[in-house]
Amino acid sequence: MAQQLGMDHVYRNGEESNRYAYVESLGGGLATLDFDRDGWFDLFFPGGGSIPNDTALQPLPGTLWRN
């Protein structure tokens, strides 16, 4: 159903590079909220991130789908 609605989102946590730190151990999750206050739930998917060089988190953008 998500494909039919055009919803395409991939959560990235740095695991692809075989790095296992705090960020990699947590899942992405999903938030339901009425972002635009129209009475319908909207969906927010966090983007995740990675720590490529052990010094700073490199965040990725989240995605908001308004219903």
C-alpha atoms as a PDB file:
ATOM      1  CA  MET A   1       0.000   0.000   0.000  1.00  0.00           C
ATOM      2  CA  ALA A   2       2.850   2.412   0.772  1.00  0.00           C
ATOM      3  CA  GLN A   3       4.152   2.129  -2.794  1.00  0.00           C
ATOM      4  CA  GLN A   4       0.679   2.800  -4.193  1.00  0.00           C
ATOM      5  CA  LEU A   5       0.525   5.989  -2.119  1.00  0.00           C
ATOM      6  CA  GLY A   6       3.990   7.114  -3.228  1.00  0.00           C
ATOM      7  CA  MET A   7       5.514   6.695   0.222  1.00  0.00           C
ATOM      8  CA  ASP A   8       9.187   5.841  -0.180  1.00  0.00           C
ATOM      9  CA  HIS A   9      11.454   6.161   2.846  1.00  0.00           C
ATOM     10  CA  VAL A  10      14.600   4.300   3.895  1.00  0.00           C
ATOM     11  CA  TYR A  11      15.945   4.647   7.425  1.00  0.00           C
ATOM     12  CA  ARG A  12      19.750   4.750   7.478  1.00  0.00           C
ATOM     13  CA  ASN A  13      21.731   4.181  10.657  1.00  0.00           C
ATOM     14  CA  GLY A  14      25.302   3.615   9.457  1.00  0.00           C
ATOM     15  CA  GLU A  15      25.117  -0.165   9.717  1.00  0.00           C
ATOM     16  CA  GLU A  16      25.949  -0.481   6.002  1.00  0.00           C
ATOM     17  CA  SER A  17      29.564   0.422   6.793  1.00  0.00           C
ATOM     18  CA  ASN A  18      29.727  -2.192   9.608  1.00  0.00           C
ATOM     19  CA  ARG A  19      29.837   0.493  12.272  1.00  0.00           C
ATOM     20  CA  TYR A  20      27.942  -0.393  15.424  1.00  0.00           C
ATOM     21  CA  ALA A  21      27.586   2.487  17.859  1.00  0.00           C
ATOM     22  CA  TYR A  22      24.666   3.968  19.792  1.00  0.00           C
ATOM     23  CA  VAL A  23      22.989   5.338  16.664  1.00  0.00           C
ATOM     24  CA  GLU A  24      23.138   1.945  14.949  1.00  0.00           C
ATOM     25  CA  SER A  25      21.530   0.143  17.879  1.00  0.00           C
ATOM     26  CA  LEU A  26      18.290   2.139  17.744  1.00  0.00           C
ATOM     27  CA  GLY A  27      15.471   1.763  15.273  1.00  0.00           C
ATOM     28  CA  GLY A  28      13.912   4.587  13.337  1.00  0.00           C
ATOM     29  CA  GLY A  29      10.382   4.578  14.652  1.00  0.00           C
ATOM     30  CA  LEU A  30       7.353   6.462  13.403  1.00  0.00           C
ATOM     31  CA  ALA A  31       5.360   9.370  14.778  1.00  0.00           C
ATOM     32  CA  THR A  32       1.691  10.000  14.108  1.00  0.00           C
ATOM     33  CA  LEU A  33       0.501  13.522  14.759  1.00  0.00           C
ATOM     34  CA  ASP A  34      -1.876  16.109  13.383  1.00  0.00           C
ATOM     35  CA  PHE A  35       0.899  18.359  12.064  1.00  0.00           C
ATOM     36  CA  ASP A  36      -1.332  20.712  10.086  1.00  0.00           C
ATOM     37  CA  ARG A  37      -4.253  20.569  12.551  1.00  0.00           C
ATOM     38  CA  ASP A  38      -6.784  19.474   9.951  1.00  0.00           C
ATOM     39  CA  GLY A  39      -8.177  16.602  12.042  1.00  0.00           C
ATOM     40  CA  TRP A  40      -6.261  13.885  10.140  1.00  0.00           C
ATOM     41  CA  PHE A  41      -3.148  12.095  11.371  1.00  0.00           C
ATOM     42  CA  ASP A  42       0.065  12.817   9.477  1.00  0.00           C
ATOM     43  CA  LEU A  43       3.147  10.546   9.523  1.00  0.00           C
ATOM     44  CA  PHE A  44       6.730  11.454  10.404  1.00  0.00           C
ATOM     45  CA  PHE A  45       9.629   9.076   9.750  1.00  0.00           C
ATOM     46  CA  PRO A  46      13.014  10.068  11.239  1.00  0.00           C
ATOM     47  CA  GLY A  47      15.948   9.924   8.850  1.00  0.00           C
ATOM     48  CA  GLY A  48      18.576   8.440  11.135  1.00  0.00           C
ATOM     49  CA  GLY A  49      22.241   9.174  10.665  1.00  0.00           C
ATOM     50  CA  SER A  50      25.728   7.786  10.969  1.00  0.00           C
ATOM     51  CA  ILE A  51      29.014   8.519  12.703  1.00  0.00           C
ATOM     52  CA  PRO A  52      31.490   8.205   9.827  1.00  0.00           C
ATOM     53  CA  ASN A  53      34.697   9.181  11.627  1.00  0.00           C
ATOM     54  CA  ASP A  54      33.965   8.662  15.355  1.00  0.00           C
ATOM     55  CA  THR A  55      33.781  12.411  15.966  1.00  0.00           C
ATOM     56  CA  ALA A  56      30.421  13.773  14.884  1.00  0.00           C
ATOM     57  CA  LEU A  57      26.969  12.492  14.068  1.00  0.00           C
ATOM     58  CA  GLN A  58      25.980  13.066  10.469  1.00  0.00           C
ATOM     59  CA  PRO A  59      22.174  13.349  10.598  1.00  0.00           C
ATOM     60  CA  LEU A  60      19.889  12.512   7.707  1.00  0.00           C
ATOM     61  CA  PRO A  61      16.611  14.336   7.039  1.00  0.00           C
ATOM     62  CA  GLY A  62      13.319  12.932   8.227  1.00  0.00           C
ATOM     63  CA  THR A  63      10.200  12.734   6.067  1.00  0.00           C
ATOM     64  CA  LEU A  64       6.758  14.145   6.853  1.00  0.00           C
ATOM     65  CA  TRP A  65       3.705  12.888   4.966  1.00  0.00           C
ATOM     66  CA  ARG A  66       0.699  15.116   5.413  1.00  0.00           C
ATOM     67  CA  ASN A  67      -2.679  13.418   5.125  1.00  0.00           C
END
